[in-house]
Amino acid sequence: MINIQHFKELQKKSSHSYHQQKALIKKVLLGKTVYCDVCKGLLSLKLSENSSTASIYCAKGCTSIQLEVDG
């Protein structure tokens, strides 16, 4: 049986992680300098050739976020 308190804690951590990642993506897309939390390397933005996807990543690969781009 699932413990409701553990479930609520997991929801809270998941929500916090989502909002942190959303803020990081927003900063990168605004052109601000953002560093990887793990290796402290500079995060870069790369648009795909077909312009339907983009990625935010550090040189070592600690951070790798894939984005779908509309339009």
PDB file of N, CA and C in Angstrom:
ATOM      1  N   MET A   1       0.839  -1.184   0.000  1.00  0.00           N
ATOM      2  CA  MET A   1       0.000   0.000   0.000  1.00  0.00           C
ATOM      3  C   MET A   1       0.884   1.248   0.000  1.00  0.00           C
ATOM      4  N   ILE A   2       0.492   2.250  -0.748  1.00  0.00           N
ATOM      5  CA  ILE A   2       1.288   3.472  -0.881  1.00  0.00           C
ATOM      6  C   ILE A   2       1.047   4.402   0.314  1.00  0.00           C
ATOM      7  N   ASN A   3       2.113   4.955   0.792  1.00  0.00           N
ATOM      8  CA  ASN A   3       2.056   5.896   1.896  1.00  0.00           C
ATOM      9  C   ASN A   3       1.771   7.280   1.315  1.00  0.00           C
ATOM     10  N   ILE A   4       0.678   7.894   1.738  1.00  0.00           N
ATOM     11  CA  ILE A   4       0.251   9.192   1.214  1.00  0.00           C
ATOM     12  C   ILE A   4       1.308  10.262   1.463  1.00  0.00           C
ATOM     13  N   GLN A   5       1.958  10.216   2.612  1.00  0.00           N
ATOM     14  CA  GLN A   5       2.976  11.224   2.945  1.00  0.00           C
ATOM     15  C   GLN A   5       4.160  11.124   1.983  1.00  0.00           C
ATOM     16  N   HIS A   6       4.578   9.908   1.654  1.00  0.00           N
ATOM     17  CA  HIS A   6       5.683   9.723   0.704  1.00  0.00           C
ATOM     18  C   HIS A   6       5.282  10.220  -0.678  1.00  0.00           C
ATOM     19  N   PHE A   7       4.058   9.968  -1.067  1.00  0.00           N
ATOM     20  CA  PHE A   7       3.556  10.411  -2.363  1.00  0.00           C
ATOM     21  C   PHE A   7       3.538  11.936  -2.440  1.00  0.00           C
ATOM     22  N   LYS A   8       3.076  12.593  -1.386  1.00  0.00           N
ATOM     23  CA  LYS A   8       3.051  14.057  -1.352  1.00  0.00           C
ATOM     24  C   LYS A   8       4.460  14.631  -1.431  1.00  0.00           C
ATOM     25  N   GLU A   9       5.415  13.982  -0.758  1.00  0.00           N
ATOM     26  CA  GLU A   9       6.798  14.434  -0.793  1.00  0.00           C
ATOM     27  C   GLU A   9       7.377  14.288  -2.209  1.00  0.00           C
ATOM     28  N   LEU A  10       7.069  13.186  -2.862  1.00  0.00           N
ATOM     29  CA  LEU A  10       7.522  12.972  -4.238  1.00  0.00           C
ATOM     30  C   LEU A  10       6.928  14.018  -5.180  1.00  0.00           C
ATOM     31  N   GLN A  11       5.647  14.329  -5.013  1.00  0.00           N
ATOM     32  CA  GLN A  11       5.002  15.364  -5.819  1.00  0.00           C
ATOM     33  C   GLN A  11       5.689  16.715  -5.631  1.00  0.00           C
ATOM     34  N   LYS A  12       6.013  17.046  -4.403  1.00  0.00           N
ATOM     35  CA  LYS A  12       6.647  18.323  -4.088  1.00  0.00           C
ATOM     36  C   LYS A  12       8.033  18.417  -4.733  1.00  0.00           C
ATOM     37  N   LYS A  13       8.820  17.338  -4.642  1.00  0.00           N
ATOM     38  CA  LYS A  13      10.155  17.318  -5.254  1.00  0.00           C
ATOM     39  C   LYS A  13      10.061  17.409  -6.769  1.00  0.00           C
ATOM     40  N   SER A  14       9.105  16.722  -7.344  1.00  0.00           N
ATOM     41  CA  SER A  14       8.924  16.731  -8.790  1.00  0.00           C
ATOM     42  C   SER A  14       8.545  18.126  -9.278  1.00  0.00           C
ATOM     43  N   SER A  15       7.644  18.775  -8.574  1.00  0.00           N
ATOM     44  CA  SER A  15       7.218  20.124  -8.926  1.00  0.00           C
ATOM     45  C   SER A  15       8.386  21.103  -8.829  1.00  0.00           C
ATOM     46  N   HIS A  16       9.173  20.986  -7.771  1.00  0.00           N
ATOM     47  CA  HIS A  16      10.322  21.869  -7.591  1.00  0.00           C
ATOM     48  C   HIS A  16      11.321  21.678  -8.732  1.00  0.00           C
ATOM     49  N   SER A  17      11.603  20.435  -9.093  1.00  0.00           N
ATOM     50  CA  SER A  17      12.538  20.130 -10.174  1.00  0.00           C
ATOM     51  C   SER A  17      12.045  20.697 -11.504  1.00  0.00           C
ATOM     52  N   TYR A  18      10.755  20.548 -11.761  1.00  0.00           N
ATOM     53  CA  TYR A  18      10.159  21.075 -12.989  1.00  0.00           C
ATOM     54  C   TYR A  18      10.342  22.593 -13.081  1.00  0.00           C
ATOM     55  N   HIS A  19      10.061  23.289 -12.002  1.00  0.00           N
ATOM     56  CA  HIS A  19      10.159  24.745 -12.006  1.00  0.00           C
ATOM     57  C   HIS A  19      11.616  25.220 -12.113  1.00  0.00           C
ATOM     58  N   GLN A  20      12.545  24.478 -11.518  1.00  0.00           N
ATOM     59  CA  GLN A  20      13.965  24.820 -11.657  1.00  0.00           C
ATOM     60  C   GLN A  20      14.403  24.682 -13.113  1.00  0.00           C
ATOM     61  N   GLN A  21      14.002  23.573 -13.755  1.00  0.00           N
ATOM     62  CA  GLN A  21      14.383  23.351 -15.145  1.00  0.00           C
ATOM     63  C   GLN A  21      13.736  24.379 -16.064  1.00  0.00           C
ATOM     64  N   LYS A  22      12.500  24.730 -15.792  1.00  0.00           N
ATOM     65  CA  LYS A  22      11.804  25.744 -16.581  1.00  0.00           C
ATOM     66  C   LYS A  22      12.523  27.090 -16.488  1.00  0.00           C
ATOM     67  N   ALA A  23      12.966  27.466 -15.297  1.00  0.00           N
ATOM     68  CA  ALA A  23      13.685  28.723 -15.098  1.00  0.00           C
ATOM     69  C   ALA A  23      15.027  28.698 -15.822  1.00  0.00           C
ATOM     70  N   LEU A  24      15.722  27.559 -15.774  1.00  0.00           N
ATOM     71  CA  LEU A  24      16.998  27.422 -16.462  1.00  0.00           C
ATOM     72  C   LEU A  24      16.814  27.586 -17.965  1.00  0.00           C
ATOM     73  N   ILE A  25      15.819  26.933 -18.543  1.00  0.00           N
ATOM     74  CA  ILE A  25      15.536  27.034 -19.979  1.00  0.00           C
ATOM     75  C   ILE A  25      15.226  28.474 -20.358  1.00  0.00           C
ATOM     76  N   LYS A  26      14.418  29.134 -19.547  1.00  0.00           N
ATOM     77  CA  LYS A  26      14.042  30.520 -19.816  1.00  0.00           C
ATOM     78  C   LYS A  26      15.276  31.422 -19.847  1.00  0.00           C
ATOM     79  N   LYS A  27      16.192  31.251 -18.893  1.00  0.00           N
ATOM     80  CA  LYS A  27      17.403  32.071 -18.842  1.00  0.00           C
ATOM     81  C   LYS A  27      18.264  31.847 -20.082  1.00  0.00           C
ATOM     82  N   VAL A  28      18.429  30.582 -20.473  1.00  0.00           N
ATOM     83  CA  VAL A  28      19.246  30.277 -21.653  1.00  0.00           C
ATOM     84  C   VAL A  28      18.625  30.898 -22.897  1.00  0.00           C
ATOM     85  N   LEU A  29      17.307  30.767 -23.044  1.00  0.00           N
ATOM     86  CA  LEU A  29      16.633  31.305 -24.221  1.00  0.00           C
ATOM     87  C   LEU A  29      16.666  32.833 -24.263  1.00  0.00           C
ATOM     88  N   LEU A  30      16.808  33.460 -23.114  1.00  0.00           N
ATOM     89  CA  LEU A  30      16.931  34.917 -23.054  1.00  0.00           C
ATOM     90  C   LEU A  30      18.363  35.380 -23.330  1.00  0.00           C
ATOM     91  N   GLY A  31      19.271  34.428 -23.520  1.00  0.00           N
ATOM     92  CA  GLY A  31      20.653  34.773 -23.833  1.00  0.00           C
ATOM     93  C   GLY A  31      21.533  35.029 -22.625  1.00  0.00           C
ATOM     94  N   LYS A  32      21.044  34.680 -21.447  1.00  0.00           N
ATOM     95  CA  LYS A  32      21.833  34.887 -20.236  1.00  0.00           C
ATOM     96  C   LYS A  32      22.870  33.775 -20.100  1.00  0.00           C
ATOM     97  N   THR A  33      23.946  34.064 -19.395  1.00  0.00           N
ATOM     98  CA  THR A  33      24.988  33.078 -19.137  1.00  0.00           C
ATOM     99  C   THR A  33      24.513  32.165 -18.016  1.00  0.00           C
ATOM    100  N   VAL A  34      24.446  30.866 -18.312  1.00  0.00           N
ATOM    101  CA  VAL A  34      23.988  29.873 -17.341  1.00  0.00           C
ATOM    102  C   VAL A  34      25.010  28.739 -17.321  1.00  0.00           C
ATOM    103  N   TYR A  35      25.326  28.265 -16.122  1.00  0.00           N
ATOM    104  CA  TYR A  35      26.318  27.211 -15.963  1.00  0.00           C
ATOM    105  C   TYR A  35      25.671  25.917 -15.476  1.00  0.00           C
ATOM    106  N   CYS A  36      26.259  24.805 -15.859  1.00  0.00           N
ATOM    107  CA  CYS A  36      25.809  23.481 -15.447  1.00  0.00           C
ATOM    108  C   CYS A  36      25.953  23.348 -13.932  1.00  0.00           C
ATOM    109  N   ASP A  37      24.953  22.792 -13.275  1.00  0.00           N
ATOM    110  CA  ASP A  37      25.002  22.601 -11.827  1.00  0.00           C
ATOM    111  C   ASP A  37      26.047  21.558 -11.421  1.00  0.00           C
ATOM    112  N   VAL A  38      26.352  20.633 -12.306  1.00  0.00           N
ATOM    113  CA  VAL A  38      27.266  19.539 -11.979  1.00  0.00           C
ATOM    114  C   VAL A  38      28.724  19.916 -12.229  1.00  0.00           C
ATOM    115  N   CYS A  39      29.061  20.292 -13.473  1.00  0.00           N
ATOM    116  CA  CYS A  39      30.467  20.539 -13.837  1.00  0.00           C
ATOM    117  C   CYS A  39      30.824  22.020 -13.890  1.00  0.00           C
ATOM    118  N   LYS A  40      29.845  22.877 -13.743  1.00  0.00           N
ATOM    119  CA  LYS A  40      30.024  24.338 -13.778  1.00  0.00           C
ATOM    120  C   LYS A  40      30.447  24.852 -15.152  1.00  0.00           C
ATOM    121  N   GLY A  41      30.278  24.026 -16.198  1.00  0.00           N
ATOM    122  CA  GLY A  41      30.567  24.454 -17.562  1.00  0.00           C
ATOM    123  C   GLY A  41      29.432  25.295 -18.118  1.00  0.00           C
ATOM    124  N   LEU A  42      29.735  26.076 -19.121  1.00  0.00           N
ATOM    125  CA  LEU A  42      28.748  26.943 -19.751  1.00  0.00           C
ATOM    126  C   LEU A  42      27.713  26.114 -20.505  1.00  0.00           C
ATOM    127  N   LEU A  43      26.446  26.448 -20.344  1.00  0.00           N
ATOM    128  CA  LEU A  43      25.388  25.776 -21.095  1.00  0.00           C
ATOM    129  C   LEU A  43      25.222  26.452 -22.447  1.00  0.00           C
ATOM    130  N   SER A  44      25.003  25.638 -23.470  1.00  0.00           N
ATOM    131  CA  SER A  44      24.853  26.136 -24.836  1.00  0.00           C
ATOM    132  C   SER A  44      23.500  25.729 -25.390  1.00  0.00           C
ATOM    133  N   LEU A  45      23.036  26.498 -26.366  1.00  0.00           N
ATOM    134  CA  LEU A  45      21.784  26.217 -27.067  1.00  0.00           C
ATOM    135  C   LEU A  45      22.122  25.868 -28.503  1.00  0.00           C
ATOM    136  N   LYS A  46      21.546  24.777 -28.989  1.00  0.00           N
ATOM    137  CA  LYS A  46      21.766  24.360 -30.375  1.00  0.00           C
ATOM    138  C   LYS A  46      20.415  24.086 -31.021  1.00  0.00           C
ATOM    139  N   LEU A  47      20.162  24.738 -32.141  1.00  0.00           N
ATOM    140  CA  LEU A  47      18.943  24.493 -32.909  1.00  0.00           C
ATOM    141  C   LEU A  47      19.229  23.439 -33.965  1.00  0.00           C
ATOM    142  N   SER A  48      18.272  22.540 -34.204  1.00  0.00           N
ATOM    143  CA  SER A  48      18.470  21.514 -35.224  1.00  0.00           C
ATOM    144  C   SER A  48      18.317  22.128 -36.612  1.00  0.00           C
ATOM    145  N   GLU A  49      18.783  21.417 -37.601  1.00  0.00           N
ATOM    146  CA  GLU A  49      18.718  21.922 -38.976  1.00  0.00           C
ATOM    147  C   GLU A  49      17.277  22.098 -39.453  1.00  0.00           C
ATOM    148  N   ASN A  50      16.387  21.220 -39.035  1.00  0.00           N
ATOM    149  CA  ASN A  50      14.992  21.327 -39.481  1.00  0.00           C
ATOM    150  C   ASN A  50      14.162  22.243 -38.583  1.00  0.00           C
ATOM    151  N   SER A  51      14.792  22.837 -37.579  1.00  0.00           N
ATOM    152  CA  SER A  51      14.165  23.814 -36.673  1.00  0.00           C
ATOM    153  C   SER A  51      12.962  23.292 -35.893  1.00  0.00           C
ATOM    154  N   SER A  52      12.825  21.978 -35.765  1.00  0.00           N
ATOM    155  CA  SER A  52      11.713  21.445 -34.978  1.00  0.00           C
ATOM    156  C   SER A  52      12.156  21.055 -33.565  1.00  0.00           C
ATOM    157  N   THR A  53      13.463  20.997 -33.347  1.00  0.00           N
ATOM    158  CA  THR A  53      13.974  20.685 -32.017  1.00  0.00           C
ATOM    159  C   THR A  53      15.162  21.593 -31.692  1.00  0.00           C
ATOM    160  N   ALA A  54      15.423  21.703 -30.414  1.00  0.00           N
ATOM    161  CA  ALA A  54      16.582  22.437 -29.921  1.00  0.00           C
ATOM    162  C   ALA A  54      17.096  21.688 -28.703  1.00  0.00           C
ATOM    163  N   SER A  55      18.337  21.937 -28.344  1.00  0.00           N
ATOM    164  CA  SER A  55      18.873  21.295 -27.152  1.00  0.00           C
ATOM    165  C   SER A  55      19.725  22.284 -26.371  1.00  0.00           C
ATOM    166  N   ILE A  56      19.695  22.110 -25.074  1.00  0.00           N
ATOM    167  CA  ILE A  56      20.514  22.883 -24.153  1.00  0.00           C
ATOM    168  C   ILE A  56      21.429  21.870 -23.481  1.00  0.00           C
ATOM    169  N   TYR A  57      22.734  22.142 -23.513  1.00  0.00           N
ATOM    170  CA  TYR A  57      23.674  21.143 -23.017  1.00  0.00           C
ATOM    171  C   TYR A  57      24.974  21.799 -22.542  1.00  0.00           C
ATOM    172  N   CYS A  58      25.734  21.043 -21.754  1.00  0.00           N
ATOM    173  CA  CYS A  58      27.081  21.462 -21.392  1.00  0.00           C
ATOM    174  C   CYS A  58      28.057  20.583 -22.175  1.00  0.00           C
ATOM    175  N   ALA A  59      29.296  20.989 -22.267  1.00  0.00           N
ATOM    176  CA  ALA A  59      30.292  20.284 -23.074  1.00  0.00           C
ATOM    177  C   ALA A  59      30.534  18.858 -22.583  1.00  0.00           C
ATOM    178  N   LYS A  60      30.443  18.629 -21.274  1.00  0.00           N
ATOM    179  CA  LYS A  60      30.704  17.296 -20.720  1.00  0.00           C
ATOM    180  C   LYS A  60      29.487  16.380 -20.802  1.00  0.00           C
ATOM    181  N   GLY A  61      28.315  16.937 -21.075  1.00  0.00           N
ATOM    182  CA  GLY A  61      27.108  16.127 -21.186  1.00  0.00           C
ATOM    183  C   GLY A  61      26.361  15.908 -19.880  1.00  0.00           C
ATOM    184  N   CYS A  62      26.772  16.592 -18.821  1.00  0.00           N
ATOM    185  CA  CYS A  62      26.067  16.476 -17.529  1.00  0.00           C
ATOM    186  C   CYS A  62      24.627  16.962 -17.667  1.00  0.00           C
ATOM    187  N   THR A  63      24.463  18.061 -18.383  1.00  0.00           N
ATOM    188  CA  THR A  63      23.141  18.638 -18.643  1.00  0.00           C
ATOM    189  C   THR A  63      22.831  18.457 -20.109  1.00  0.00           C
ATOM    190  N   SER A  64      21.662  17.880 -20.377  1.00  0.00           N
ATOM    191  CA  SER A  64      21.219  17.697 -21.744  1.00  0.00           C
ATOM    192  C   SER A  64      19.703  17.756 -21.756  1.00  0.00           C
ATOM    193  N   ILE A  65      19.161  18.849 -22.265  1.00  0.00           N
ATOM    194  CA  ILE A  65      17.721  19.071 -22.302  1.00  0.00           C
ATOM    195  C   ILE A  65      17.283  19.201 -23.756  1.00  0.00           C
ATOM    196  N   GLN A  66      16.362  18.363 -24.185  1.00  0.00           N
ATOM    197  CA  GLN A  66      15.839  18.392 -25.532  1.00  0.00           C
ATOM    198  C   GLN A  66      14.517  19.152 -25.533  1.00  0.00           C
ATOM    199  N   LEU A  67      14.361  20.076 -26.477  1.00  0.00           N
ATOM    200  CA  LEU A  67      13.145  20.892 -26.565  1.00  0.00           C
ATOM    201  C   LEU A  67      12.502  20.722 -27.932  1.00  0.00           C
ATOM    202  N   GLU A  68      11.180  20.682 -27.952  1.00  0.00           N
ATOM    203  CA  GLU A  68      10.446  20.713 -29.214  1.00  0.00           C
ATOM    204  C   GLU A  68      10.099  22.160 -29.490  1.00  0.00           C
ATOM    205  N   VAL A  69      10.323  22.605 -30.734  1.00  0.00           N
ATOM    206  CA  VAL A  69      10.104  23.990 -31.105  1.00  0.00           C
ATOM    207  C   VAL A  69       8.933  24.055 -32.071  1.00  0.00           C
ATOM    208  N   ASP A  70       7.936  24.867 -31.768  1.00  0.00           N
ATOM    209  CA  ASP A  70       6.796  25.059 -32.664  1.00  0.00           C
ATOM    210  C   ASP A  70       7.144  26.092 -33.719  1.00  0.00           C
ATOM    211  N   GLY A  71       6.636  25.840 -34.872  1.00  0.00           N
ATOM    212  CA  GLY A  71       6.589  26.801 -35.869  1.00  0.00           C
ATOM    213  C   GLY A  71       7.570  27.243 -36.761  1.00  0.00           C
TER     214      GLY A  71
END
